Amino acid sequence: AFMMELTAHQSSVGNVLQAGNQLIAQGNLSEEEEDEIREQMTLLNSRWENLRVASMDRQSRLHEVLMDLQQQQLQQLSDWLTQTEGRIRKMEKESIAGDMKGYVAQIEQHK
């Protein structure tokens, strides 16, 4: 959501920079005012670029963390499946009880 909002603000920053260029192009400003506008535009552009780069770096790190977590979950699932398959094979090898007492004991063991 943050990256989407950041992208949405890109046009606002562009509009401000364009407005600054238009003010300078009109020629109605003193040299001091033009210098101040240029400085503010440079500062805005620099800060925006730093924010954009930092946001992309953070997004990249978050993506790496997410991939690591997903890999851990897949490994846990794989381990569980391996254990479950082993238990199923063990149950298949056991002989079936011959009486009710034996069935109850096997059911308890399987639980």
C-alpha atoms as a PDB file:
ATOM      1  CA  ALA A   1       0.000   0.000   0.000  1.00  0.00           C
ATOM      2  CA  PHE A   2       2.879   2.331   0.807  1.00  0.00           C
ATOM      3  CA  MET A   3       4.516   1.717  -2.582  1.00  0.00           C
ATOM      4  CA  MET A   4       1.187   2.375  -4.343  1.00  0.00           C
ATOM      5  CA  GLU A   5       0.770   5.634  -2.418  1.00  0.00           C
ATOM      6  CA  LEU A   6       4.357   6.602  -3.212  1.00  0.00           C
ATOM      7  CA  THR A   7       3.694   6.052  -6.906  1.00  0.00           C
ATOM      8  CA  ALA A   8       0.541   8.166  -6.654  1.00  0.00           C
ATOM      9  CA  HIS A   9       2.567  11.063  -5.202  1.00  0.00           C
ATOM     10  CA  GLN A  10       5.103  10.890  -8.032  1.00  0.00           C
ATOM     11  CA  SER A  11       2.886  13.038 -10.247  1.00  0.00           C
ATOM     12  CA  SER A  12       2.456  15.625  -7.461  1.00  0.00           C
ATOM     13  CA  VAL A  13       6.217  15.987  -7.142  1.00  0.00           C
ATOM     14  CA  GLY A  14       6.476  16.253 -10.910  1.00  0.00           C
ATOM     15  CA  ASN A  15       3.793  18.957 -10.928  1.00  0.00           C
ATOM     16  CA  VAL A  16       5.649  20.983  -8.294  1.00  0.00           C
ATOM     17  CA  LEU A  17       8.903  20.738 -10.250  1.00  0.00           C
ATOM     18  CA  GLN A  18       7.092  21.733 -13.443  1.00  0.00           C
ATOM     19  CA  ALA A  19       5.499  24.713 -11.681  1.00  0.00           C
ATOM     20  CA  GLY A  20       8.939  25.805 -10.486  1.00  0.00           C
ATOM     21  CA  ASN A  21      10.313  25.613 -14.012  1.00  0.00           C
ATOM     22  CA  GLN A  22       7.371  27.641 -15.303  1.00  0.00           C
ATOM     23  CA  LEU A  23       7.945  30.359 -12.695  1.00  0.00           C
ATOM     24  CA  ILE A  24      11.585  30.594 -13.697  1.00  0.00           C
ATOM     25  CA  ALA A  25      10.743  30.552 -17.427  1.00  0.00           C
ATOM     26  CA  GLN A  26       8.303  33.453 -17.068  1.00  0.00           C
ATOM     27  CA  GLY A  27      11.199  35.726 -16.126  1.00  0.00           C
ATOM     28  CA  ASN A  28       9.200  37.790 -13.643  1.00  0.00           C
ATOM     29  CA  LEU A  29      11.413  36.837 -10.695  1.00  0.00           C
ATOM     30  CA  SER A  30      14.548  38.371  -9.299  1.00  0.00           C
ATOM     31  CA  GLU A  31      17.779  36.418  -9.560  1.00  0.00           C
ATOM     32  CA  GLU A  32      17.592  35.717  -5.826  1.00  0.00           C
ATOM     33  CA  GLU A  33      14.056  34.332  -6.151  1.00  0.00           C
ATOM     34  CA  GLU A  34      15.061  32.162  -9.117  1.00  0.00           C
ATOM     35  CA  ASP A  35      18.031  30.814  -7.162  1.00  0.00           C
ATOM     36  CA  GLU A  36      15.778  30.019  -4.206  1.00  0.00           C
ATOM     37  CA  ILE A  37      13.276  28.210  -6.456  1.00  0.00           C
ATOM     38  CA  ARG A  38      16.073  26.233  -8.112  1.00  0.00           C
ATOM     39  CA  GLU A  39      17.507  25.306  -4.717  1.00  0.00           C
ATOM     40  CA  GLN A  40      14.097  24.196  -3.429  1.00  0.00           C
ATOM     41  CA  MET A  41      13.471  22.191  -6.607  1.00  0.00           C
ATOM     42  CA  THR A  42      16.873  20.504  -6.286  1.00  0.00           C
ATOM     43  CA  LEU A  43      16.193  19.741  -2.640  1.00  0.00           C
ATOM     44  CA  LEU A  44      12.715  18.359  -3.407  1.00  0.00           C
ATOM     45  CA  ASN A  45      14.032  16.230  -6.245  1.00  0.00           C
ATOM     46  CA  SER A  46      16.909  14.927  -4.123  1.00  0.00           C
ATOM     47  CA  ARG A  47      14.690  14.088  -1.165  1.00  0.00           C
ATOM     48  CA  TRP A  48      12.132  12.436  -3.423  1.00  0.00           C
ATOM     49  CA  GLU A  49      14.799  10.335  -5.099  1.00  0.00           C
ATOM     50  CA  ASN A  50      16.265   9.314  -1.709  1.00  0.00           C
ATOM     51  CA  LEU A  51      12.801   8.319  -0.490  1.00  0.00           C
ATOM     52  CA  ARG A  52      12.111   6.374  -3.656  1.00  0.00           C
ATOM     53  CA  VAL A  53      15.432   4.488  -3.495  1.00  0.00           C
ATOM     54  CA  ALA A  54      15.072   3.778   0.235  1.00  0.00           C
ATOM     55  CA  SER A  55      11.519   2.517  -0.339  1.00  0.00           C
ATOM     56  CA  MET A  56      12.628   0.218  -3.123  1.00  0.00           C
ATOM     57  CA  ASP A  57      15.467  -1.114  -0.949  1.00  0.00           C
ATOM     58  CA  ARG A  58      13.051  -1.766   1.891  1.00  0.00           C
ATOM     59  CA  GLN A  59      10.611  -3.470  -0.472  1.00  0.00           C
ATOM     60  CA  SER A  60      13.454  -5.656  -1.721  1.00  0.00           C
ATOM     61  CA  ARG A  61      14.464  -6.609   1.844  1.00  0.00           C
ATOM     62  CA  LEU A  62      10.850  -7.361   2.750  1.00  0.00           C
ATOM     63  CA  HIS A  63      10.565  -9.551  -0.336  1.00  0.00           C
ATOM     64  CA  GLU A  64      13.704 -11.472   0.704  1.00  0.00           C
ATOM     65  CA  VAL A  65      12.326 -11.982   4.229  1.00  0.00           C
ATOM     66  CA  LEU A  66       9.013 -13.156   2.787  1.00  0.00           C
ATOM     67  CA  MET A  67      10.785 -15.638   0.510  1.00  0.00           C
ATOM     68  CA  ASP A  68      12.817 -16.961   3.471  1.00  0.00           C
ATOM     69  CA  LEU A  69       9.659 -17.393   5.556  1.00  0.00           C
ATOM     70  CA  GLN A  70       7.890 -19.176   2.716  1.00  0.00           C
ATOM     71  CA  GLN A  71      10.887 -21.467   2.282  1.00  0.00           C
ATOM     72  CA  GLN A  72      10.834 -22.260   6.015  1.00  0.00           C
ATOM     73  CA  GLN A  73       7.124 -23.046   5.856  1.00  0.00           C
ATOM     74  CA  LEU A  74       7.640 -25.295   2.848  1.00  0.00           C
ATOM     75  CA  GLN A  75      10.430 -27.110   4.683  1.00  0.00           C
ATOM     76  CA  GLN A  76       8.230 -27.546   7.758  1.00  0.00           C
ATOM     77  CA  LEU A  77       5.441 -28.924   5.585  1.00  0.00           C
ATOM     78  CA  SER A  78       7.866 -31.260   3.836  1.00  0.00           C
ATOM     79  CA  ASP A  79       9.185 -32.494   7.197  1.00  0.00           C
ATOM     80  CA  TRP A  80       5.647 -33.050   8.475  1.00  0.00           C
ATOM     81  CA  LEU A  81       4.686 -34.951   5.324  1.00  0.00           C
ATOM     82  CA  THR A  82       7.785 -37.146   5.623  1.00  0.00           C
ATOM     83  CA  GLN A  83       6.969 -37.924   9.256  1.00  0.00           C
ATOM     84  CA  THR A  84       3.332 -38.632   8.432  1.00  0.00           C
ATOM     85  CA  GLU A  85       4.275 -40.932   5.560  1.00  0.00           C
ATOM     86  CA  GLY A  86       6.620 -42.798   7.928  1.00  0.00           C
ATOM     87  CA  ARG A  87       3.857 -43.222  10.491  1.00  0.00           C
ATOM     88  CA  ILE A  88       1.469 -44.466   7.797  1.00  0.00           C
ATOM     89  CA  ARG A  89       4.034 -47.014   6.588  1.00  0.00           C
ATOM     90  CA  LYS A  90       4.571 -48.156  10.180  1.00  0.00           C
ATOM     91  CA  MET A  91       0.816 -48.561  10.686  1.00  0.00           C
ATOM     92  CA  GLU A  92       0.522 -50.536   7.441  1.00  0.00           C
ATOM     93  CA  LYS A  93       3.200 -52.973   8.604  1.00  0.00           C
ATOM     94  CA  GLU A  94       1.535 -53.667  11.947  1.00  0.00           C
ATOM     95  CA  SER A  95      -0.719 -56.643  12.121  1.00  0.00           C
ATOM     96  CA  ILE A  96      -4.392 -56.076  12.710  1.00  0.00           C
ATOM     97  CA  ALA A  97      -5.627 -56.917  16.174  1.00  0.00           C
ATOM     98  CA  GLY A  98      -7.730 -60.005  16.490  1.00  0.00           C
ATOM     99  CA  ASP A  99     -10.163 -58.878  19.171  1.00  0.00           C
ATOM    100  CA  MET A 100     -11.891 -55.761  20.493  1.00  0.00           C
ATOM    101  CA  LYS A 101      -9.300 -55.193  23.211  1.00  0.00           C
ATOM    102  CA  GLY A 102      -6.536 -55.304  20.586  1.00  0.00           C
ATOM    103  CA  TYR A 103      -8.401 -52.839  18.320  1.00  0.00           C
ATOM    104  CA  VAL A 104      -8.844 -50.388  21.187  1.00  0.00           C
ATOM    105  CA  ALA A 105      -5.136 -50.666  22.049  1.00  0.00           C
ATOM    106  CA  GLN A 106      -4.156 -50.029  18.401  1.00  0.00           C
ATOM    107  CA  ILE A 107      -6.488 -47.039  18.173  1.00  0.00           C
ATOM    108  CA  GLU A 108      -4.940 -45.538  21.298  1.00  0.00           C
ATOM    109  CA  GLN A 109      -1.452 -46.173  19.936  1.00  0.00           C
ATOM    110  CA  HIS A 110      -2.324 -44.475  16.644  1.00  0.00           C
ATOM    111  CA  LYS A 111      -3.724 -41.426  18.399  1.00  0.00           C
END
